[in-house]
Amino acid sequence: MKTKMIAMLIAGTLTLSTAAAQELPRKIRNVELLDLDGNPTKLPCFGEKNLMIFYVDPDRHKQNEEFTFDLEKNHRAQGDNIYGFGIMNLKDAPMIPNGMARAMAKKRTEKNGATVLADQERTLSSAWGLGDCNNQFVLMIVSKEGELVFLRKGVLSEADKEAFYETIDKYR
């Protein structure tokens, strides 16, 4: 019994140290995804500007719709040093064919001028250690130094929104 308890404490300590290694900010690298025509491309402006990235499971694209609408309307996340774009997490939306999702996004971006990329294999999530992003709206800020400085997944609380605005204000 005593040995089992010690083993559990050691396992818990190792888990905590792994979690600590995932704390923010943390260095990340540029990855290759697909543009909406299906061509390989790197993340735009990586290392040149601070990035505001919406990594969205198409099954949950409306998860924070009110927040994104307000964000667009109030222009609080805009600035000369910020480049914002979206990435569709297609691997976690198996019921939506990849080509159809890209075509729908392409049609929409022709109207609004937004940049949207496609991640068909969880490339970004794996490379950046984001964990499970299925059914999640993931909001990130990446500094131009290549550090992930902000990360929230799922429905954003008021505290999450406040933390986002505090962080984005530092990088505008």
C-alpha atoms as a PDB file:
ATOM      1  CA  MET A   1       0.000   0.000   0.000  1.00  0.00           C
ATOM      2  CA  LYS A   2       2.818   2.369   0.956  1.00  0.00           C
ATOM      3  CA  THR A   3       4.712   1.545  -2.260  1.00  0.00           C
ATOM      4  CA  LYS A   4       1.583   2.165  -4.316  1.00  0.00           C
ATOM      5  CA  MET A   5       1.123   5.579  -2.670  1.00  0.00           C
ATOM      6  CA  ILE A   6       4.752   6.544  -3.374  1.00  0.00           C
ATOM      7  CA  ALA A   7       4.372   5.460  -7.018  1.00  0.00           C
ATOM      8  CA  MET A   8       1.235   7.602  -7.331  1.00  0.00           C
ATOM      9  CA  LEU A   9       3.048  10.612  -5.820  1.00  0.00           C
ATOM     10  CA  ILE A  10       5.945  10.176  -8.255  1.00  0.00           C
ATOM     11  CA  ALA A  11       3.554   9.858 -11.195  1.00  0.00           C
ATOM     12  CA  GLY A  12       1.728  12.979 -10.037  1.00  0.00           C
ATOM     13  CA  THR A  13       5.000  14.895  -9.759  1.00  0.00           C
ATOM     14  CA  LEU A  14       5.998  13.838 -13.270  1.00  0.00           C
ATOM     15  CA  THR A  15       2.589  14.923 -14.579  1.00  0.00           C
ATOM     16  CA  LEU A  16       2.967  18.319 -12.915  1.00  0.00           C
ATOM     17  CA  SER A  17       6.449  18.810 -14.360  1.00  0.00           C
ATOM     18  CA  THR A  18       5.127  17.930 -17.838  1.00  0.00           C
ATOM     19  CA  ALA A  19       2.325  20.442 -17.366  1.00  0.00           C
ATOM     20  CA  ALA A  20       4.847  23.066 -16.254  1.00  0.00           C
ATOM     21  CA  ALA A  21       6.788  22.492 -19.472  1.00  0.00           C
ATOM     22  CA  GLN A  22       3.603  23.409 -21.360  1.00  0.00           C
ATOM     23  CA  GLU A  23       3.218  26.764 -19.620  1.00  0.00           C
ATOM     24  CA  LEU A  24       3.111  29.952 -21.629  1.00  0.00           C
ATOM     25  CA  PRO A  25       4.936  31.536 -23.205  1.00  0.00           C
ATOM     26  CA  ARG A  26       6.618  28.697 -25.049  1.00  0.00           C
ATOM     27  CA  LYS A  27       8.630  28.591 -28.237  1.00  0.00           C
ATOM     28  CA  ILE A  28       6.895  27.132 -31.288  1.00  0.00           C
ATOM     29  CA  ARG A  29       7.786  26.728 -34.954  1.00  0.00           C
ATOM     30  CA  ASN A  30       6.118  27.587 -38.218  1.00  0.00           C
ATOM     31  CA  VAL A  31       4.259  24.687 -39.797  1.00  0.00           C
ATOM     32  CA  GLU A  32       3.120  23.808 -43.279  1.00  0.00           C
ATOM     33  CA  LEU A  33      -0.629  23.545 -43.817  1.00  0.00           C
ATOM     34  CA  LEU A  34      -2.833  23.935 -46.900  1.00  0.00           C
ATOM     35  CA  ASP A  35      -4.286  27.033 -48.488  1.00  0.00           C
ATOM     36  CA  LEU A  36      -7.907  26.884 -49.625  1.00  0.00           C
ATOM     37  CA  ASP A  37      -6.847  25.585 -53.047  1.00  0.00           C
ATOM     38  CA  GLY A  38      -5.151  22.615 -51.375  1.00  0.00           C
ATOM     39  CA  ASN A  39      -1.594  23.892 -51.917  1.00  0.00           C
ATOM     40  CA  PRO A  40       1.024  23.573 -49.154  1.00  0.00           C
ATOM     41  CA  THR A  41       1.762  26.862 -47.397  1.00  0.00           C
ATOM     42  CA  LYS A  42       3.421  28.125 -44.227  1.00  0.00           C
ATOM     43  CA  LEU A  43       1.673  30.336 -41.692  1.00  0.00           C
ATOM     44  CA  PRO A  44       1.508  33.894 -43.028  1.00  0.00           C
ATOM     45  CA  CYS A  45       3.657  36.596 -41.388  1.00  0.00           C
ATOM     46  CA  PHE A  46       5.250  34.106 -38.957  1.00  0.00           C
ATOM     47  CA  GLY A  47       8.267  35.853 -37.425  1.00  0.00           C
ATOM     48  CA  GLU A  48       7.287  39.157 -39.053  1.00  0.00           C
ATOM     49  CA  LYS A  49       4.173  40.124 -37.085  1.00  0.00           C
ATOM     50  CA  ASN A  50       2.361  38.997 -33.978  1.00  0.00           C
ATOM     51  CA  LEU A  51      -0.325  36.499 -34.939  1.00  0.00           C
ATOM     52  CA  MET A  52      -3.882  36.160 -33.723  1.00  0.00           C
ATOM     53  CA  ILE A  53      -5.006  32.688 -34.769  1.00  0.00           C
ATOM     54  CA  PHE A  54      -8.456  31.120 -34.650  1.00  0.00           C
ATOM     55  CA  TYR A  55      -7.965  27.328 -34.838  1.00  0.00           C
ATOM     56  CA  VAL A  56     -11.482  26.049 -35.295  1.00  0.00           C
ATOM     57  CA  ASP A  57     -13.155  22.671 -35.556  1.00  0.00           C
ATOM     58  CA  PRO A  58     -15.723  23.230 -38.350  1.00  0.00           C
ATOM     59  CA  ASP A  59     -18.245  21.291 -36.239  1.00  0.00           C
ATOM     60  CA  ARG A  60     -18.032  24.137 -33.694  1.00  0.00           C
ATOM     61  CA  HIS A  61     -17.343  27.173 -35.886  1.00  0.00           C
ATOM     62  CA  LYS A  62     -20.042  29.185 -34.096  1.00  0.00           C
ATOM     63  CA  GLN A  63     -18.812  28.322 -30.594  1.00  0.00           C
ATOM     64  CA  ASN A  64     -17.654  31.904 -29.855  1.00  0.00           C
ATOM     65  CA  GLU A  65     -19.575  33.692 -32.585  1.00  0.00           C
ATOM     66  CA  GLU A  66     -20.623  36.630 -30.384  1.00  0.00           C
ATOM     67  CA  PHE A  67     -17.003  37.195 -29.299  1.00  0.00           C
ATOM     68  CA  THR A  68     -15.650  37.096 -32.865  1.00  0.00           C
ATOM     69  CA  PHE A  69     -18.424  39.414 -34.057  1.00  0.00           C
ATOM     70  CA  ASP A  70     -17.606  41.892 -31.272  1.00  0.00           C
ATOM     71  CA  LEU A  71     -13.895  41.535 -32.000  1.00  0.00           C
ATOM     72  CA  GLU A  72     -14.470  42.445 -35.638  1.00  0.00           C
ATOM     73  CA  LYS A  73     -16.842  45.276 -34.773  1.00  0.00           C
ATOM     74  CA  ASN A  74     -14.766  46.955 -32.027  1.00  0.00           C
ATOM     75  CA  HIS A  75     -11.377  46.625 -33.845  1.00  0.00           C
ATOM     76  CA  ARG A  76      -9.646  46.139 -30.464  1.00  0.00           C
ATOM     77  CA  ALA A  77      -7.414  43.389 -31.811  1.00  0.00           C
ATOM     78  CA  GLN A  78      -6.250  45.331 -34.845  1.00  0.00           C
ATOM     79  CA  GLY A  79      -2.887  47.013 -35.104  1.00  0.00           C
ATOM     80  CA  ASP A  80       0.092  47.434 -37.387  1.00  0.00           C
ATOM     81  CA  ASN A  81       1.909  44.596 -35.595  1.00  0.00           C
ATOM     82  CA  ILE A  82      -0.985  42.078 -35.616  1.00  0.00           C
ATOM     83  CA  TYR A  83      -1.962  39.672 -38.376  1.00  0.00           C
ATOM     84  CA  GLY A  84      -5.092  37.629 -37.739  1.00  0.00           C
ATOM     85  CA  PHE A  85      -6.281  34.547 -39.598  1.00  0.00           C
ATOM     86  CA  GLY A  86      -8.179  31.313 -39.233  1.00  0.00           C
ATOM     87  CA  ILE A  87      -7.218  27.674 -39.521  1.00  0.00           C
ATOM     88  CA  MET A  88      -9.806  24.947 -40.022  1.00  0.00           C
ATOM     89  CA  ASN A  89      -9.065  21.827 -37.969  1.00  0.00           C
ATOM     90  CA  LEU A  90     -10.426  19.416 -40.572  1.00  0.00           C
ATOM     91  CA  LYS A  91      -9.160  16.200 -38.981  1.00  0.00           C
ATOM     92  CA  ASP A  92     -11.617  16.654 -36.115  1.00  0.00           C
ATOM     93  CA  ALA A  93     -14.567  17.157 -38.480  1.00  0.00           C
ATOM     94  CA  PRO A  94     -14.709  13.778 -40.248  1.00  0.00           C
ATOM     95  CA  MET A  95     -18.299  14.225 -41.433  1.00  0.00           C
ATOM     96  CA  ILE A  96     -17.340  17.272 -43.515  1.00  0.00           C
ATOM     97  CA  PRO A  97     -15.297  16.360 -46.614  1.00  0.00           C
ATOM     98  CA  ASN A  98     -12.040  18.361 -46.673  1.00  0.00           C
ATOM     99  CA  GLY A  99     -12.539  19.633 -50.225  1.00  0.00           C
ATOM    100  CA  MET A 100     -16.052  20.801 -49.447  1.00  0.00           C
ATOM    101  CA  ALA A 101     -14.915  22.613 -46.277  1.00  0.00           C
ATOM    102  CA  ARG A 102     -12.129  24.377 -48.189  1.00  0.00           C
ATOM    103  CA  ALA A 103     -14.557  25.346 -51.010  1.00  0.00           C
ATOM    104  CA  MET A 104     -17.079  26.766 -48.534  1.00  0.00           C
ATOM    105  CA  ALA A 105     -14.354  28.740 -46.756  1.00  0.00           C
ATOM    106  CA  LYS A 106     -12.975  29.979 -50.081  1.00  0.00           C
ATOM    107  CA  LYS A 107     -16.387  31.287 -51.098  1.00  0.00           C
ATOM    108  CA  ARG A 108     -16.786  33.077 -47.769  1.00  0.00           C
ATOM    109  CA  THR A 109     -13.281  34.575 -47.778  1.00  0.00           C
ATOM    110  CA  GLU A 110     -13.803  35.978 -51.262  1.00  0.00           C
ATOM    111  CA  LYS A 111     -16.458  38.190 -49.668  1.00  0.00           C
ATOM    112  CA  ASN A 112     -14.669  39.192 -46.466  1.00  0.00           C
ATOM    113  CA  GLY A 113     -11.004  39.027 -47.514  1.00  0.00           C
ATOM    114  CA  ALA A 114     -10.007  36.884 -44.521  1.00  0.00           C
ATOM    115  CA  THR A 115      -7.118  34.445 -44.640  1.00  0.00           C
ATOM    116  CA  VAL A 116      -8.092  30.870 -43.813  1.00  0.00           C
ATOM    117  CA  LEU A 117      -5.886  27.795 -43.977  1.00  0.00           C
ATOM    118  CA  ALA A 118      -6.706  24.106 -43.633  1.00  0.00           C
ATOM    119  CA  ASP A 119      -5.110  21.628 -41.236  1.00  0.00           C
ATOM    120  CA  GLN A 120      -6.129  18.180 -42.485  1.00  0.00           C
ATOM    121  CA  GLU A 121      -3.881  16.131 -40.195  1.00  0.00           C
ATOM    122  CA  ARG A 122      -3.755  18.021 -36.837  1.00  0.00           C
ATOM    123  CA  THR A 123      -0.316  19.269 -37.887  1.00  0.00           C
ATOM    124  CA  LEU A 124      -0.546  22.517 -35.936  1.00  0.00           C
ATOM    125  CA  SER A 125      -2.075  20.943 -32.851  1.00  0.00           C
ATOM    126  CA  SER A 126       0.616  18.243 -32.753  1.00  0.00           C
ATOM    127  CA  ALA A 127       3.566  20.531 -33.509  1.00  0.00           C
ATOM    128  CA  TRP A 128       2.542  23.075 -30.882  1.00  0.00           C
ATOM    129  CA  GLY A 129       1.419  20.593 -28.204  1.00  0.00           C
ATOM    130  CA  LEU A 130      -2.120  21.953 -28.036  1.00  0.00           C
ATOM    131  CA  GLY A 131      -3.669  18.711 -26.838  1.00  0.00           C
ATOM    132  CA  ASP A 132      -7.205  17.740 -27.744  1.00  0.00           C
ATOM    133  CA  CYS A 133      -8.828  20.376 -29.962  1.00  0.00           C
ATOM    134  CA  ASN A 134     -11.807  18.296 -31.076  1.00  0.00           C
ATOM    135  CA  ASN A 135     -15.061  20.266 -30.840  1.00  0.00           C
ATOM    136  CA  GLN A 136     -13.064  23.295 -29.722  1.00  0.00           C
ATOM    137  CA  PHE A 137     -12.685  26.884 -30.826  1.00  0.00           C
ATOM    138  CA  VAL A 138      -9.017  27.593 -30.065  1.00  0.00           C
ATOM    139  CA  LEU A 139      -7.827  31.182 -29.743  1.00  0.00           C
ATOM    140  CA  MET A 140      -4.091  31.851 -29.810  1.00  0.00           C
ATOM    141  CA  ILE A 141      -1.649  34.723 -29.915  1.00  0.00           C
ATOM    142  CA  VAL A 142       1.858  34.062 -31.217  1.00  0.00           C
ATOM    143  CA  SER A 143       4.538  36.724 -30.825  1.00  0.00           C
ATOM    144  CA  LYS A 144       6.733  37.624 -33.776  1.00  0.00           C
ATOM    145  CA  GLU A 145       9.562  36.020 -31.783  1.00  0.00           C
ATOM    146  CA  GLY A 146       7.800  32.683 -32.317  1.00  0.00           C
ATOM    147  CA  GLU A 147       6.351  32.223 -28.844  1.00  0.00           C
ATOM    148  CA  LEU A 148       2.849  31.039 -28.074  1.00  0.00           C
ATOM    149  CA  VAL A 149       1.818  33.664 -25.514  1.00  0.00           C
ATOM    150  CA  PHE A 150      -1.946  33.098 -25.282  1.00  0.00           C
ATOM    151  CA  LEU A 151      -4.072  29.960 -25.605  1.00  0.00           C
ATOM    152  CA  ARG A 152      -7.707  29.296 -24.776  1.00  0.00           C
ATOM    153  CA  LYS A 153      -9.930  26.439 -25.946  1.00  0.00           C
ATOM    154  CA  GLY A 154     -13.685  26.027 -25.995  1.00  0.00           C
ATOM    155  CA  VAL A 155     -16.322  28.534 -24.959  1.00  0.00           C
ATOM    156  CA  LEU A 156     -14.581  31.685 -23.761  1.00  0.00           C
ATOM    157  CA  SER A 157     -15.492  32.936 -20.302  1.00  0.00           C
ATOM    158  CA  GLU A 158     -15.530  36.631 -19.457  1.00  0.00           C
ATOM    159  CA  ALA A 159     -12.172  36.115 -17.707  1.00  0.00           C
ATOM    160  CA  ASP A 160     -10.784  34.486 -20.895  1.00  0.00           C
ATOM    161  CA  LYS A 161     -11.950  37.453 -22.974  1.00  0.00           C
ATOM    162  CA  GLU A 162     -10.409  39.930 -20.538  1.00  0.00           C
ATOM    163  CA  ALA A 163      -7.118  37.998 -20.562  1.00  0.00           C
ATOM    164  CA  PHE A 164      -7.182  37.958 -24.366  1.00  0.00           C
ATOM    165  CA  TYR A 165      -7.640  41.740 -24.596  1.00  0.00           C
ATOM    166  CA  GLU A 166      -4.892  42.340 -22.013  1.00  0.00           C
ATOM    167  CA  THR A 167      -2.522  40.142 -24.007  1.00  0.00           C
ATOM    168  CA  ILE A 168      -3.401  41.472 -27.467  1.00  0.00           C
ATOM    169  CA  ASP A 169      -2.956  45.056 -26.239  1.00  0.00           C
ATOM    170  CA  LYS A 170       0.709  44.242 -25.471  1.00  0.00           C
ATOM    171  CA  TYR A 171       1.336  43.053 -29.046  1.00  0.00           C
ATOM    172  CA  ARG A 172      -0.622  45.554 -31.170  1.00  0.00           C
END
